[in-house]
Amino acid sequence: MEIKHAQHLVDNWIKTTGIRYFNELTNTAILMEEIGEVARIIARQYGEQSFKKSDTDVNLADEMADVLFVLICLANQTGIDLTDALEKNMEKKSIRDAERHKNNDKLK
């Protein structure tokens, strides 16, 4: 699925099933909550924390999809074309970091 298509699908879902977008501040808080859920799973699955009994049904992919969904909501309601934004961001990183990581001894 292309990003532009994902933005359209989310917008359509919000306008039909979700009724309307939450305001930007609420969606930002929800985004932070979803990122926290991803961090919780990562800390337990790849880090040193242990799982609790309540963590038995966690699904990292689903939680990452929740993050993406809310990020797309914020992009839609603020008029951001994520395809264009990502392309510009990759270009910026490619210019800015062209030699930076190659010359970082910590990455060798």
C-alpha atoms as a PDB file:
ATOM      1  CA  MET A   1       0.000   0.000   0.000  1.00  0.00           C
ATOM      2  CA  GLU A   2       1.311   3.445  -0.830  1.00  0.00           C
ATOM      3  CA  ILE A   3       1.345   6.166   1.812  1.00  0.00           C
ATOM      4  CA  LYS A   4      -1.073   8.341  -0.177  1.00  0.00           C
ATOM      5  CA  HIS A   5      -3.523   5.429  -0.319  1.00  0.00           C
ATOM      6  CA  ALA A   6      -3.115   4.836   3.430  1.00  0.00           C
ATOM      7  CA  GLN A   7      -3.896   8.496   4.093  1.00  0.00           C
ATOM      8  CA  HIS A   8      -7.054   8.170   1.992  1.00  0.00           C
ATOM      9  CA  LEU A   9      -8.133   4.937   3.746  1.00  0.00           C
ATOM     10  CA  VAL A  10      -7.651   6.441   7.197  1.00  0.00           C
ATOM     11  CA  ASP A  11      -9.517   9.606   6.197  1.00  0.00           C
ATOM     12  CA  ASN A  12     -12.402   7.549   4.841  1.00  0.00           C
ATOM     13  CA  TRP A  13     -12.518   5.387   7.986  1.00  0.00           C
ATOM     14  CA  ILE A  14     -12.502   8.451  10.249  1.00  0.00           C
ATOM     15  CA  LYS A  15     -15.309  10.127   8.307  1.00  0.00           C
ATOM     16  CA  THR A  16     -17.518   7.012   8.236  1.00  0.00           C
ATOM     17  CA  THR A  17     -16.753   4.799  11.231  1.00  0.00           C
ATOM     18  CA  GLY A  18     -14.900   7.221  13.475  1.00  0.00           C
ATOM     19  CA  ILE A  19     -17.419  10.028  12.864  1.00  0.00           C
ATOM     20  CA  ARG A  20     -14.765  12.782  12.986  1.00  0.00           C
ATOM     21  CA  TYR A  21     -11.107  13.377  13.813  1.00  0.00           C
ATOM     22  CA  PHE A  22     -10.181  14.000  17.430  1.00  0.00           C
ATOM     23  CA  ASN A  23      -8.532  17.408  17.715  1.00  0.00           C
ATOM     24  CA  GLU A  24      -4.799  17.645  17.078  1.00  0.00           C
ATOM     25  CA  LEU A  25      -3.893  17.871  20.755  1.00  0.00           C
ATOM     26  CA  THR A  26      -5.901  14.765  21.603  1.00  0.00           C
ATOM     27  CA  ASN A  27      -4.368  12.867  18.673  1.00  0.00           C
ATOM     28  CA  THR A  28      -0.891  13.927  19.775  1.00  0.00           C
ATOM     29  CA  ALA A  29      -1.575  12.545  23.252  1.00  0.00           C
ATOM     30  CA  ILE A  30      -2.936   9.330  21.719  1.00  0.00           C
ATOM     31  CA  LEU A  31       0.193   9.089  19.527  1.00  0.00           C
ATOM     32  CA  MET A  32       2.411   9.333  22.613  1.00  0.00           C
ATOM     33  CA  GLU A  33       0.323   6.645  24.306  1.00  0.00           C
ATOM     34  CA  GLU A  34       0.685   4.319  21.312  1.00  0.00           C
ATOM     35  CA  ILE A  35       4.442   4.961  21.128  1.00  0.00           C
ATOM     36  CA  GLY A  36       4.622   4.048  24.815  1.00  0.00           C
ATOM     37  CA  GLU A  37       2.933   0.733  24.068  1.00  0.00           C
ATOM     38  CA  VAL A  38       5.527   0.012  21.358  1.00  0.00           C
ATOM     39  CA  ALA A  39       8.317   0.936  23.779  1.00  0.00           C
ATOM     40  CA  ARG A  40       6.854  -1.360  26.431  1.00  0.00           C
ATOM     41  CA  ILE A  41       6.902  -4.343  24.071  1.00  0.00           C
ATOM     42  CA  ILE A  42      10.410  -3.549  22.787  1.00  0.00           C
ATOM     43  CA  ALA A  43      11.723  -3.239  26.362  1.00  0.00           C
ATOM     44  CA  ARG A  44      10.354  -6.679  27.177  1.00  0.00           C
ATOM     45  CA  GLN A  45      10.949  -8.500  23.916  1.00  0.00           C
ATOM     46  CA  TYR A  46      14.393  -7.095  23.073  1.00  0.00           C
ATOM     47  CA  GLY A  47      15.444  -5.398  26.299  1.00  0.00           C
ATOM     48  CA  GLU A  48      16.030  -6.593  29.811  1.00  0.00           C
ATOM     49  CA  GLN A  49      12.522  -6.236  31.256  1.00  0.00           C
ATOM     50  CA  SER A  50      10.441  -9.362  31.712  1.00  0.00           C
ATOM     51  CA  PHE A  51       6.903  -9.856  30.493  1.00  0.00           C
ATOM     52  CA  LYS A  52       4.023  -9.740  32.961  1.00  0.00           C
ATOM     53  CA  LYS A  53       1.011 -12.044  32.811  1.00  0.00           C
ATOM     54  CA  SER A  54      -0.970  -9.143  31.345  1.00  0.00           C
ATOM     55  CA  ASP A  55       1.534  -8.946  28.453  1.00  0.00           C
ATOM     56  CA  THR A  56       0.754 -12.391  27.046  1.00  0.00           C
ATOM     57  CA  ASP A  57      -1.242 -11.162  24.044  1.00  0.00           C
ATOM     58  CA  VAL A  58       0.979  -8.245  22.993  1.00  0.00           C
ATOM     59  CA  ASN A  59       1.519  -7.775  19.274  1.00  0.00           C
ATOM     60  CA  LEU A  60       4.334  -5.449  18.213  1.00  0.00           C
ATOM     61  CA  ALA A  61       3.143  -5.209  14.607  1.00  0.00           C
ATOM     62  CA  ASP A  62      -0.352  -4.210  15.710  1.00  0.00           C
ATOM     63  CA  GLU A  63       1.004  -1.574  18.094  1.00  0.00           C
ATOM     64  CA  MET A  64       3.245  -0.146  15.356  1.00  0.00           C
ATOM     65  CA  ALA A  65       0.203  -0.013  13.076  1.00  0.00           C
ATOM     66  CA  ASP A  66      -1.627   1.943  15.797  1.00  0.00           C
ATOM     67  CA  VAL A  67       1.242   4.464  15.829  1.00  0.00           C
ATOM     68  CA  LEU A  68       1.089   4.766  12.042  1.00  0.00           C
ATOM     69  CA  PHE A  69      -2.704   5.167  12.076  1.00  0.00           C
ATOM     70  CA  VAL A  70      -2.608   8.073  14.539  1.00  0.00           C
ATOM     71  CA  LEU A  71       0.344   9.680  12.739  1.00  0.00           C
ATOM     72  CA  ILE A  72      -1.644   9.500   9.502  1.00  0.00           C
ATOM     73  CA  CYS A  73      -4.618  11.075  11.300  1.00  0.00           C
ATOM     74  CA  LEU A  74      -2.427  13.988  12.376  1.00  0.00           C
ATOM     75  CA  ALA A  75      -1.010  14.359   8.866  1.00  0.00           C
ATOM     76  CA  ASN A  76      -4.483  14.356   7.342  1.00  0.00           C
ATOM     77  CA  GLN A  77      -5.913  16.920   9.692  1.00  0.00           C
ATOM     78  CA  THR A  78      -2.912  19.254   9.355  1.00  0.00           C
ATOM     79  CA  GLY A  79      -2.777  19.008   5.563  1.00  0.00           C
ATOM     80  CA  ILE A  80       0.512  17.134   5.314  1.00  0.00           C
ATOM     81  CA  ASP A  81       1.178  14.841   2.357  1.00  0.00           C
ATOM     82  CA  LEU A  82       3.310  12.166   4.025  1.00  0.00           C
ATOM     83  CA  THR A  83       4.677  10.892   0.709  1.00  0.00           C
ATOM     84  CA  ASP A  84       6.027  14.332  -0.126  1.00  0.00           C
ATOM     85  CA  ALA A  85       7.234  14.896   3.445  1.00  0.00           C
ATOM     86  CA  LEU A  86       9.100  11.571   3.542  1.00  0.00           C
ATOM     87  CA  GLU A  87      10.691  12.136   0.133  1.00  0.00           C
ATOM     88  CA  LYS A  88      11.935  15.577   1.220  1.00  0.00           C
ATOM     89  CA  ASN A  89      13.123  14.190   4.546  1.00  0.00           C
ATOM     90  CA  MET A  90      15.082  11.400   2.858  1.00  0.00           C
ATOM     91  CA  GLU A  91      16.695  13.929   0.526  1.00  0.00           C
ATOM     92  CA  LYS A  92      17.654  16.114   3.507  1.00  0.00           C
ATOM     93  CA  LYS A  93      19.130  13.140   5.372  1.00  0.00           C
ATOM     94  CA  SER A  94      21.010  11.952   2.293  1.00  0.00           C
ATOM     95  CA  ILE A  95      22.696  15.329   1.880  1.00  0.00           C
ATOM     96  CA  ARG A  96      23.256  16.065   5.559  1.00  0.00           C
ATOM     97  CA  ASP A  97      24.441  12.594   6.519  1.00  0.00           C
ATOM     98  CA  ALA A  98      26.277  11.622   3.314  1.00  0.00           C
ATOM     99  CA  GLU A  99      29.571  11.154   5.182  1.00  0.00           C
ATOM    100  CA  ARG A 100      28.476  11.442   8.803  1.00  0.00           C
ATOM    101  CA  HIS A 101      27.704   7.789   9.471  1.00  0.00           C
ATOM    102  CA  LYS A 102      30.557   6.478   7.331  1.00  0.00           C
ATOM    103  CA  ASN A 103      32.970   8.475   9.488  1.00  0.00           C
ATOM    104  CA  ASN A 104      31.457   7.420  12.814  1.00  0.00           C
ATOM    105  CA  ASP A 105      33.860   4.994  14.497  1.00  0.00           C
ATOM    106  CA  LYS A 106      31.050   3.854  16.807  1.00  0.00           C
ATOM    107  CA  LEU A 107      29.280   2.287  13.821  1.00  0.00           C
ATOM    108  CA  LYS A 108      32.244   0.254  12.594  1.00  0.00           C
END
